[in-house]
Amino acid sequence: MASRIRLEDRECPLSTTVQHVGEWWTLLILHDAFDGYTRFDQFQQSLNISTSMLTTRLKTLVADGLLERRPYQTNPVRHEYVLTERGRSLRPVVVALAAWGNQHLAPEERAMILVDARTGEEVEPVVVDARTGRSLDDSERYVFTAGPAASEAMRARYVELERQRPVPETSASE
């Protein structure tokens, strides 16, 4: 029987990220945390998740630094689970996944949408470059390449990919 590959051992930030947040309960728990849930019973009721699975996932989220476990009651001792800065930084990822699901998996049955809390107007999330404000949708313009810590194998991979990649056309506004 083949052993499971440890994704975090791969030289790829996506693999490492999936190792930490790719388990599907994790994203659902984080979504509930973004909605303001902090207590075990809130997560359990919202997600209809078993006690043992929720306990395991919350421990992992705390160990990964995405949630912080804080006591809120002393007798009996009870804890709440609060998003850390690291956990809050995943919100755009969860928002983008939900928007993708609404657009591609159930466009007629959007049970949940993203709105501006002040106006109630629906918003459409996009991923943009923080420096230029340009949308990163253009897969010919915005591509991955080897980073400063890349191994020789990773560098060779991207050299080969760059050879195969068509050169994007530039417009007069660039």
N, C-alpha and C. Protein backbone atom coordinates (compact mmCIF):
# COMPACT_ATOMS: atom_id res chain seq x y z
N MET A 1 0.84 -1.18 0.00
CA MET A 1 0.00 0.00 0.00
C MET A 1 0.89 1.25 0.00
N ALA A 2 0.56 2.21 -0.84
CA ALA A 2 1.36 3.42 -0.94
C ALA A 2 1.15 4.29 0.30
N SER A 3 2.24 4.90 0.76
CA SER A 3 2.13 5.77 1.92
C SER A 3 1.69 7.16 1.47
N ARG A 4 1.05 7.87 2.36
CA ARG A 4 0.56 9.20 2.05
C ARG A 4 1.73 10.17 1.94
N ILE A 5 1.70 10.99 0.92
CA ILE A 5 2.75 11.99 0.70
C ILE A 5 2.48 13.17 1.63
N ARG A 6 3.54 13.64 2.28
CA ARG A 6 3.42 14.83 3.11
C ARG A 6 3.58 16.04 2.20
N LEU A 7 2.49 16.73 1.97
CA LEU A 7 2.51 17.86 1.04
C LEU A 7 3.45 18.96 1.51
N GLU A 8 3.58 19.12 2.83
CA GLU A 8 4.43 20.21 3.32
C GLU A 8 5.91 19.95 3.04
N ASP A 9 6.26 18.72 2.66
CA ASP A 9 7.65 18.42 2.31
C ASP A 9 7.97 18.78 0.86
N ARG A 10 6.94 19.08 0.09
CA ARG A 10 7.15 19.48 -1.30
C ARG A 10 7.60 20.94 -1.35
N GLU A 11 8.33 21.26 -2.37
CA GLU A 11 8.83 22.63 -2.53
C GLU A 11 7.80 23.46 -3.30
N CYS A 12 6.72 23.78 -2.62
CA CYS A 12 5.64 24.51 -3.28
C CYS A 12 4.76 25.13 -2.20
N PRO A 13 4.55 26.44 -2.22
CA PRO A 13 3.72 27.05 -1.19
C PRO A 13 2.27 26.57 -1.24
N LEU A 14 1.79 26.19 -2.41
CA LEU A 14 0.43 25.68 -2.51
C LEU A 14 0.31 24.33 -1.79
N SER A 15 1.30 23.47 -1.98
CA SER A 15 1.31 22.17 -1.28
C SER A 15 1.33 22.36 0.22
N THR A 16 2.17 23.25 0.69
CA THR A 16 2.27 23.52 2.12
C THR A 16 0.95 24.07 2.66
N THR A 17 0.34 24.97 1.92
CA THR A 17 -0.93 25.55 2.34
C THR A 17 -2.02 24.49 2.41
N VAL A 18 -2.10 23.63 1.39
CA VAL A 18 -3.10 22.57 1.39
C VAL A 18 -2.90 21.64 2.58
N GLN A 19 -1.66 21.39 2.95
CA GLN A 19 -1.38 20.55 4.12
C GLN A 19 -2.02 21.14 5.38
N HIS A 20 -2.06 22.47 5.46
CA HIS A 20 -2.57 23.13 6.67
C HIS A 20 -4.05 23.46 6.62
N VAL A 21 -4.58 23.82 5.46
CA VAL A 21 -5.99 24.25 5.41
C VAL A 21 -6.82 23.46 4.41
N GLY A 22 -6.26 22.43 3.80
CA GLY A 22 -6.97 21.71 2.76
C GLY A 22 -8.00 20.71 3.24
N GLU A 23 -7.96 20.32 4.50
CA GLU A 23 -8.96 19.40 5.02
C GLU A 23 -10.28 20.17 5.07
N TRP A 24 -11.33 19.60 4.50
CA TRP A 24 -12.53 20.40 4.26
C TRP A 24 -13.21 20.92 5.51
N TRP A 25 -13.15 20.25 6.63
CA TRP A 25 -13.73 20.81 7.85
C TRP A 25 -13.01 22.10 8.24
N THR A 26 -11.72 22.17 7.95
CA THR A 26 -10.93 23.35 8.31
C THR A 26 -11.51 24.61 7.69
N LEU A 27 -11.77 24.57 6.39
CA LEU A 27 -12.31 25.75 5.72
C LEU A 27 -13.70 26.12 6.23
N LEU A 28 -14.51 25.12 6.55
CA LEU A 28 -15.85 25.39 7.07
C LEU A 28 -15.79 25.99 8.48
N ILE A 29 -14.88 25.49 9.30
CA ILE A 29 -14.70 26.07 10.64
C ILE A 29 -14.20 27.51 10.52
N LEU A 30 -13.24 27.74 9.64
CA LEU A 30 -12.75 29.10 9.45
C LEU A 30 -13.86 30.02 8.95
N HIS A 31 -14.68 29.53 8.03
CA HIS A 31 -15.80 30.34 7.55
C HIS A 31 -16.72 30.73 8.71
N ASP A 32 -17.04 29.78 9.57
CA ASP A 32 -17.87 30.10 10.73
C ASP A 32 -17.17 31.09 11.66
N ALA A 33 -15.87 30.96 11.81
CA ALA A 33 -15.11 31.91 12.64
C ALA A 33 -15.17 33.31 12.03
N PHE A 34 -15.10 33.41 10.71
CA PHE A 34 -15.22 34.72 10.05
C PHE A 34 -16.61 35.30 10.28
N ASP A 35 -17.61 34.44 10.42
CA ASP A 35 -18.98 34.90 10.70
C ASP A 35 -19.17 35.28 12.17
N GLY A 36 -18.16 35.04 13.00
CA GLY A 36 -18.22 35.46 14.40
C GLY A 36 -18.38 34.35 15.41
N TYR A 37 -18.47 33.10 14.96
CA TYR A 37 -18.58 32.00 15.92
C TYR A 37 -17.24 31.82 16.62
N THR A 38 -17.29 31.57 17.91
CA THR A 38 -16.06 31.35 18.68
C THR A 38 -16.16 30.14 19.60
N ARG A 39 -17.34 29.66 19.85
CA ARG A 39 -17.52 28.61 20.85
C ARG A 39 -17.77 27.25 20.21
N PHE A 40 -17.29 26.23 20.91
CA PHE A 40 -17.38 24.86 20.43
C PHE A 40 -18.80 24.50 20.01
N ASP A 41 -19.78 24.80 20.88
CA ASP A 41 -21.16 24.43 20.57
C ASP A 41 -21.70 25.17 19.36
N GLN A 42 -21.24 26.41 19.12
CA GLN A 42 -21.67 27.14 17.93
C GLN A 42 -21.16 26.45 16.66
N PHE A 43 -19.88 26.09 16.66
CA PHE A 43 -19.32 25.39 15.50
C PHE A 43 -20.04 24.06 15.28
N GLN A 44 -20.24 23.33 16.37
CA GLN A 44 -20.85 22.01 16.26
C GLN A 44 -22.28 22.09 15.72
N GLN A 45 -23.04 23.03 16.22
CA GLN A 45 -24.42 23.18 15.76
C GLN A 45 -24.47 23.65 14.31
N SER A 46 -23.64 24.61 13.96
CA SER A 46 -23.64 25.14 12.60
C SER A 46 -23.23 24.10 11.57
N LEU A 47 -22.21 23.32 11.90
CA LEU A 47 -21.62 22.40 10.93
C LEU A 47 -22.15 20.97 11.02
N ASN A 48 -22.85 20.66 12.11
CA ASN A 48 -23.32 19.29 12.33
C ASN A 48 -22.14 18.31 12.25
N ILE A 49 -21.08 18.65 12.96
CA ILE A 49 -19.83 17.89 12.97
C ILE A 49 -19.74 17.11 14.28
N SER A 50 -19.14 15.94 14.24
CA SER A 50 -19.01 15.14 15.47
C SER A 50 -18.08 15.84 16.47
N THR A 51 -18.29 15.56 17.73
CA THR A 51 -17.48 16.14 18.80
C THR A 51 -16.01 15.81 18.60
N SER A 52 -15.71 14.56 18.29
CA SER A 52 -14.30 14.16 18.15
C SER A 52 -13.64 14.84 16.95
N MET A 53 -14.36 14.94 15.83
CA MET A 53 -13.79 15.59 14.65
C MET A 53 -13.57 17.07 14.90
N LEU A 54 -14.55 17.73 15.52
CA LEU A 54 -14.40 19.16 15.81
C LEU A 54 -13.25 19.39 16.78
N THR A 55 -13.13 18.56 17.79
CA THR A 55 -12.02 18.68 18.75
C THR A 55 -10.69 18.57 18.02
N THR A 56 -10.57 17.58 17.16
CA THR A 56 -9.33 17.37 16.40
C THR A 56 -9.02 18.56 15.51
N ARG A 57 -10.01 19.04 14.77
CA ARG A 57 -9.78 20.15 13.84
C ARG A 57 -9.43 21.43 14.61
N LEU A 58 -10.12 21.70 15.71
CA LEU A 58 -9.81 22.91 16.49
C LEU A 58 -8.40 22.85 17.06
N LYS A 59 -7.99 21.68 17.55
CA LYS A 59 -6.61 21.53 18.05
C LYS A 59 -5.60 21.82 16.95
N THR A 60 -5.88 21.32 15.75
CA THR A 60 -4.97 21.55 14.63
C THR A 60 -4.94 23.02 14.25
N LEU A 61 -6.10 23.67 14.21
CA LEU A 61 -6.15 25.09 13.87
C LEU A 61 -5.40 25.93 14.90
N VAL A 62 -5.49 25.55 16.17
CA VAL A 62 -4.73 26.25 17.22
C VAL A 62 -3.24 25.99 17.03
N ALA A 63 -2.86 24.73 16.80
CA ALA A 63 -1.44 24.38 16.62
C ALA A 63 -0.85 25.08 15.40
N ASP A 64 -1.65 25.26 14.36
CA ASP A 64 -1.18 25.94 13.14
C ASP A 64 -1.20 27.46 13.27
N GLY A 65 -1.66 27.97 14.41
CA GLY A 65 -1.66 29.41 14.64
C GLY A 65 -2.77 30.15 13.93
N LEU A 66 -3.84 29.45 13.53
CA LEU A 66 -4.95 30.10 12.85
C LEU A 66 -6.05 30.53 13.82
N LEU A 67 -6.16 29.80 14.92
CA LEU A 67 -7.10 30.15 15.99
C LEU A 67 -6.33 30.19 17.30
N GLU A 68 -6.82 31.00 18.22
CA GLU A 68 -6.27 31.05 19.58
C GLU A 68 -7.34 30.53 20.53
N ARG A 69 -6.95 29.66 21.43
CA ARG A 69 -7.87 29.09 22.42
C ARG A 69 -7.80 29.94 23.69
N ARG A 70 -8.95 30.51 24.08
CA ARG A 70 -9.00 31.39 25.25
C ARG A 70 -10.11 30.93 26.21
N PRO A 71 -9.82 30.92 27.51
CA PRO A 71 -10.89 30.57 28.45
C PRO A 71 -11.92 31.71 28.53
N TYR A 72 -13.19 31.34 28.58
CA TYR A 72 -14.23 32.35 28.77
C TYR A 72 -15.11 32.04 29.98
N GLN A 73 -14.89 30.87 30.59
CA GLN A 73 -15.67 30.46 31.76
C GLN A 73 -14.76 29.61 32.63
N THR A 74 -14.90 29.77 33.96
CA THR A 74 -14.01 29.03 34.86
C THR A 74 -14.63 27.80 35.50
N ASN A 75 -15.94 27.79 35.72
CA ASN A 75 -16.54 26.64 36.40
C ASN A 75 -17.83 26.21 35.71
N PRO A 76 -17.81 25.22 34.87
CA PRO A 76 -16.64 24.46 34.41
C PRO A 76 -15.82 25.28 33.42
N VAL A 77 -14.56 24.89 33.26
CA VAL A 77 -13.68 25.61 32.35
C VAL A 77 -14.16 25.39 30.91
N ARG A 78 -14.35 26.49 30.22
CA ARG A 78 -14.73 26.44 28.80
C ARG A 78 -13.87 27.43 28.04
N HIS A 79 -13.64 27.09 26.78
CA HIS A 79 -12.78 27.92 25.94
C HIS A 79 -13.51 28.39 24.70
N GLU A 80 -13.07 29.52 24.19
CA GLU A 80 -13.53 29.97 22.89
C GLU A 80 -12.34 29.94 21.94
N TYR A 81 -12.63 29.96 20.67
CA TYR A 81 -11.61 29.87 19.63
C TYR A 81 -11.71 31.13 18.78
N VAL A 82 -10.68 31.97 18.88
CA VAL A 82 -10.69 33.28 18.24
C VAL A 82 -9.65 33.30 17.12
N LEU A 83 -10.03 33.88 16.00
CA LEU A 83 -9.11 33.98 14.88
C LEU A 83 -7.88 34.79 15.27
N THR A 84 -6.72 34.31 14.87
CA THR A 84 -5.48 35.07 15.02
C THR A 84 -5.30 35.92 13.76
N GLU A 85 -4.29 36.75 13.76
CA GLU A 85 -3.99 37.54 12.56
C GLU A 85 -3.73 36.61 11.38
N ARG A 86 -3.00 35.54 11.64
CA ARG A 86 -2.71 34.55 10.59
C ARG A 86 -4.01 33.93 10.07
N GLY A 87 -4.92 33.61 10.97
CA GLY A 87 -6.21 33.05 10.56
C GLY A 87 -7.03 34.06 9.78
N ARG A 88 -7.07 35.31 10.25
CA ARG A 88 -7.83 36.36 9.55
C ARG A 88 -7.29 36.59 8.15
N SER A 89 -6.00 36.36 7.95
CA SER A 89 -5.42 36.59 6.62
C SER A 89 -5.92 35.58 5.58
N LEU A 90 -6.57 34.51 6.03
CA LEU A 90 -7.16 33.54 5.09
C LEU A 90 -8.55 33.95 4.61
N ARG A 91 -9.10 35.00 5.16
CA ARG A 91 -10.46 35.41 4.78
C ARG A 91 -10.60 35.64 3.28
N PRO A 92 -9.70 36.35 2.62
CA PRO A 92 -9.86 36.53 1.17
C PRO A 92 -9.87 35.21 0.40
N VAL A 93 -9.15 34.22 0.90
CA VAL A 93 -9.12 32.90 0.26
C VAL A 93 -10.49 32.24 0.38
N VAL A 94 -11.06 32.26 1.58
CA VAL A 94 -12.37 31.66 1.81
C VAL A 94 -13.45 32.41 1.02
N VAL A 95 -13.36 33.74 0.99
CA VAL A 95 -14.30 34.55 0.21
C VAL A 95 -14.21 34.17 -1.27
N ALA A 96 -12.99 34.05 -1.79
CA ALA A 96 -12.81 33.70 -3.20
C ALA A 96 -13.35 32.30 -3.51
N LEU A 97 -13.13 31.35 -2.61
CA LEU A 97 -13.66 29.99 -2.82
C LEU A 97 -15.19 29.99 -2.83
N ALA A 98 -15.80 30.74 -1.92
CA ALA A 98 -17.26 30.81 -1.88
C ALA A 98 -17.79 31.46 -3.16
N ALA A 99 -17.15 32.52 -3.61
CA ALA A 99 -17.58 33.19 -4.84
C ALA A 99 -17.43 32.27 -6.04
N TRP A 100 -16.34 31.53 -6.08
CA TRP A 100 -16.13 30.57 -7.18
C TRP A 100 -17.23 29.51 -7.16
N GLY A 101 -17.56 29.01 -5.98
CA GLY A 101 -18.63 28.03 -5.86
C GLY A 101 -19.97 28.58 -6.33
N ASN A 102 -20.28 29.81 -5.94
CA ASN A 102 -21.52 30.43 -6.40
C ASN A 102 -21.55 30.58 -7.91
N GLN A 103 -20.44 30.95 -8.49
CA GLN A 103 -20.39 31.20 -9.93
C GLN A 103 -20.41 29.90 -10.74
N HIS A 104 -19.67 28.89 -10.29
CA HIS A 104 -19.46 27.71 -11.12
C HIS A 104 -20.22 26.46 -10.70
N LEU A 105 -20.63 26.36 -9.46
CA LEU A 105 -21.25 25.12 -8.99
C LEU A 105 -22.75 25.24 -8.76
N ALA A 106 -23.21 26.42 -8.42
CA ALA A 106 -24.65 26.58 -8.16
C ALA A 106 -25.11 28.00 -8.44
N PRO A 107 -24.91 28.49 -9.67
CA PRO A 107 -25.25 29.90 -9.94
C PRO A 107 -26.73 30.23 -9.73
N GLU A 108 -27.62 29.25 -9.88
CA GLU A 108 -29.05 29.50 -9.68
C GLU A 108 -29.46 29.36 -8.22
N GLU A 109 -28.62 28.74 -7.42
CA GLU A 109 -29.00 28.42 -6.04
C GLU A 109 -28.01 29.00 -5.03
N ARG A 110 -27.72 30.27 -5.16
CA ARG A 110 -26.73 30.90 -4.28
C ARG A 110 -27.35 31.12 -2.90
N ALA A 111 -27.09 30.21 -1.99
CA ALA A 111 -27.66 30.29 -0.64
C ALA A 111 -26.95 31.33 0.21
N MET A 112 -25.76 31.73 -0.19
CA MET A 112 -24.96 32.68 0.58
C MET A 112 -24.24 33.58 -0.40
N ILE A 113 -24.30 34.88 -0.17
CA ILE A 113 -23.59 35.83 -1.04
C ILE A 113 -22.81 36.80 -0.16
N LEU A 114 -21.85 37.47 -0.76
CA LEU A 114 -21.05 38.47 -0.06
C LEU A 114 -21.67 39.84 -0.33
N VAL A 115 -21.91 40.60 0.74
CA VAL A 115 -22.50 41.93 0.59
C VAL A 115 -21.67 42.94 1.38
N ASP A 116 -21.82 44.19 1.01
CA ASP A 116 -21.26 45.30 1.76
C ASP A 116 -22.14 45.48 3.00
N ALA A 117 -21.57 45.35 4.19
CA ALA A 117 -22.35 45.42 5.43
C ALA A 117 -23.02 46.78 5.62
N ARG A 118 -22.47 47.83 5.03
CA ARG A 118 -23.04 49.17 5.19
C ARG A 118 -24.22 49.40 4.26
N THR A 119 -24.12 48.89 3.02
CA THR A 119 -25.15 49.18 2.02
C THR A 119 -26.06 48.00 1.72
N GLY A 120 -25.62 46.78 2.05
CA GLY A 120 -26.39 45.60 1.71
C GLY A 120 -26.24 45.17 0.27
N GLU A 121 -25.44 45.91 -0.49
CA GLU A 121 -25.26 45.58 -1.91
C GLU A 121 -24.32 44.40 -2.06
N GLU A 122 -24.67 43.52 -3.01
CA GLU A 122 -23.81 42.37 -3.29
C GLU A 122 -22.50 42.86 -3.90
N VAL A 123 -21.42 42.23 -3.50
CA VAL A 123 -20.10 42.57 -4.05
C VAL A 123 -19.53 41.33 -4.73
N GLU A 124 -18.67 41.58 -5.71
CA GLU A 124 -18.01 40.50 -6.43
C GLU A 124 -16.52 40.55 -6.14
N PRO A 125 -16.01 39.57 -5.40
CA PRO A 125 -14.59 39.60 -5.05
C PRO A 125 -13.71 39.33 -6.27
N VAL A 126 -12.59 40.04 -6.32
CA VAL A 126 -11.56 39.81 -7.35
C VAL A 126 -10.21 39.82 -6.66
N VAL A 127 -9.26 39.14 -7.25
CA VAL A 127 -7.89 39.14 -6.71
C VAL A 127 -7.09 40.11 -7.56
N VAL A 128 -6.45 41.07 -6.89
CA VAL A 128 -5.69 42.09 -7.60
C VAL A 128 -4.27 42.18 -7.05
N ASP A 129 -3.39 42.71 -7.85
CA ASP A 129 -2.03 42.99 -7.42
C ASP A 129 -2.08 44.22 -6.50
N ALA A 130 -1.55 44.10 -5.31
CA ALA A 130 -1.60 45.19 -4.33
C ALA A 130 -0.85 46.43 -4.83
N ARG A 131 0.19 46.22 -5.60
CA ARG A 131 1.00 47.35 -6.07
C ARG A 131 0.33 48.11 -7.20
N THR A 132 -0.22 47.39 -8.19
CA THR A 132 -0.77 48.04 -9.38
C THR A 132 -2.29 48.12 -9.39
N GLY A 133 -2.94 47.28 -8.60
CA GLY A 133 -4.40 47.24 -8.62
C GLY A 133 -4.96 46.44 -9.78
N ARG A 134 -4.10 45.82 -10.58
CA ARG A 134 -4.56 45.04 -11.73
C ARG A 134 -5.11 43.69 -11.28
N SER A 135 -6.18 43.25 -11.95
CA SER A 135 -6.75 41.92 -11.69
C SER A 135 -5.75 40.86 -12.11
N LEU A 136 -5.64 39.80 -11.31
CA LEU A 136 -4.70 38.73 -11.61
C LEU A 136 -5.34 37.60 -12.42
N ASP A 137 -6.47 37.87 -13.06
CA ASP A 137 -7.16 36.86 -13.87
C ASP A 137 -6.37 36.43 -15.10
N ASP A 138 -5.56 37.30 -15.65
CA ASP A 138 -4.86 37.03 -16.91
C ASP A 138 -3.74 36.02 -16.69
N SER A 139 -4.00 34.76 -17.05
CA SER A 139 -3.01 33.70 -16.80
C SER A 139 -1.84 33.74 -17.77
N GLU A 140 -1.93 34.55 -18.82
CA GLU A 140 -0.78 34.71 -19.71
C GLU A 140 0.14 35.81 -19.20
N ARG A 141 -0.42 36.78 -18.51
CA ARG A 141 0.40 37.88 -18.00
C ARG A 141 1.00 37.55 -16.64
N TYR A 142 0.21 36.96 -15.75
CA TYR A 142 0.66 36.69 -14.39
C TYR A 142 0.91 35.20 -14.24
N VAL A 143 2.17 34.85 -14.08
CA VAL A 143 2.58 33.44 -14.03
C VAL A 143 3.48 33.22 -12.82
N PHE A 144 3.56 31.98 -12.38
CA PHE A 144 4.48 31.64 -11.31
C PHE A 144 5.87 31.41 -11.90
N THR A 145 6.88 31.70 -11.09
CA THR A 145 8.25 31.43 -11.48
C THR A 145 9.03 31.09 -10.21
N ALA A 146 10.24 30.63 -10.38
CA ALA A 146 11.06 30.25 -9.22
C ALA A 146 11.35 31.46 -8.35
N GLY A 147 11.25 31.27 -7.05
CA GLY A 147 11.53 32.33 -6.09
C GLY A 147 12.96 32.28 -5.60
N PRO A 148 13.34 33.21 -4.74
CA PRO A 148 14.72 33.30 -4.28
C PRO A 148 15.23 32.05 -3.56
N ALA A 149 14.36 31.29 -2.91
CA ALA A 149 14.79 30.11 -2.17
C ALA A 149 14.60 28.81 -2.96
N ALA A 150 14.30 28.92 -4.24
CA ALA A 150 14.03 27.73 -5.06
C ALA A 150 15.28 26.87 -5.23
N SER A 151 15.05 25.56 -5.24
CA SER A 151 16.13 24.61 -5.50
C SER A 151 16.48 24.65 -6.99
N GLU A 152 17.56 23.98 -7.34
CA GLU A 152 17.94 23.90 -8.75
C GLU A 152 16.85 23.20 -9.56
N ALA A 153 16.24 22.17 -8.99
CA ALA A 153 15.17 21.45 -9.69
C ALA A 153 13.98 22.38 -9.95
N MET A 154 13.63 23.19 -8.97
CA MET A 154 12.52 24.13 -9.14
C MET A 154 12.87 25.18 -10.19
N ARG A 155 14.10 25.67 -10.14
CA ARG A 155 14.54 26.65 -11.15
C ARG A 155 14.47 26.05 -12.55
N ALA A 156 14.93 24.81 -12.69
CA ALA A 156 14.91 24.14 -13.99
C ALA A 156 13.47 23.97 -14.48
N ARG A 157 12.57 23.65 -13.58
CA ARG A 157 11.16 23.49 -13.95
C ARG A 157 10.63 24.78 -14.58
N TYR A 158 10.91 25.91 -13.94
CA TYR A 158 10.37 27.17 -14.44
C TYR A 158 11.11 27.68 -15.67
N VAL A 159 12.37 27.35 -15.82
CA VAL A 159 13.08 27.69 -17.06
C VAL A 159 12.39 26.98 -18.22
N GLU A 160 12.08 25.70 -18.03
CA GLU A 160 11.40 24.92 -19.08
C GLU A 160 10.00 25.47 -19.35
N LEU A 161 9.26 25.79 -18.31
CA LEU A 161 7.92 26.35 -18.50
C LEU A 161 7.97 27.69 -19.24
N GLU A 162 8.97 28.51 -18.92
CA GLU A 162 9.10 29.81 -19.59
C GLU A 162 9.40 29.63 -21.07
N ARG A 163 10.15 28.60 -21.42
CA ARG A 163 10.42 28.32 -22.84
C ARG A 163 9.14 27.97 -23.59
N GLN A 164 8.25 27.26 -22.94
CA GLN A 164 7.02 26.80 -23.57
C GLN A 164 5.92 27.86 -23.59
N ARG A 165 6.04 28.85 -22.75
CA ARG A 165 4.98 29.83 -22.55
C ARG A 165 4.97 30.87 -23.67
N PRO A 166 3.79 31.19 -24.21
CA PRO A 166 3.74 32.26 -25.21
C PRO A 166 4.03 33.61 -24.54
N VAL A 167 4.66 34.49 -25.26
CA VAL A 167 4.96 35.82 -24.73
C VAL A 167 3.69 36.66 -24.84
N PRO A 168 3.22 37.21 -23.71
CA PRO A 168 1.98 38.01 -23.77
C PRO A 168 2.19 39.30 -24.54
N GLU A 169 1.15 39.70 -25.24
CA GLU A 169 1.21 40.96 -25.97
C GLU A 169 1.07 42.11 -24.97
N THR A 170 1.74 43.21 -25.27
CA THR A 170 1.62 44.39 -24.42
C THR A 170 0.69 45.38 -25.09
N SER A 171 -0.03 46.13 -24.27
CA SER A 171 -0.92 47.15 -24.83
C SER A 171 -0.26 48.51 -24.67
N ALA A 172 -0.81 49.49 -25.34
CA ALA A 172 -0.25 50.85 -25.31
C ALA A 172 -0.33 51.46 -23.92
N SER A 173 -1.24 51.00 -23.08
CA SER A 173 -1.41 51.59 -21.74
C SER A 173 -0.43 51.06 -20.72
N GLU A 174 0.46 50.15 -21.11
CA GLU A 174 1.37 49.57 -20.13
C GLU A 174 2.72 50.22 -20.14
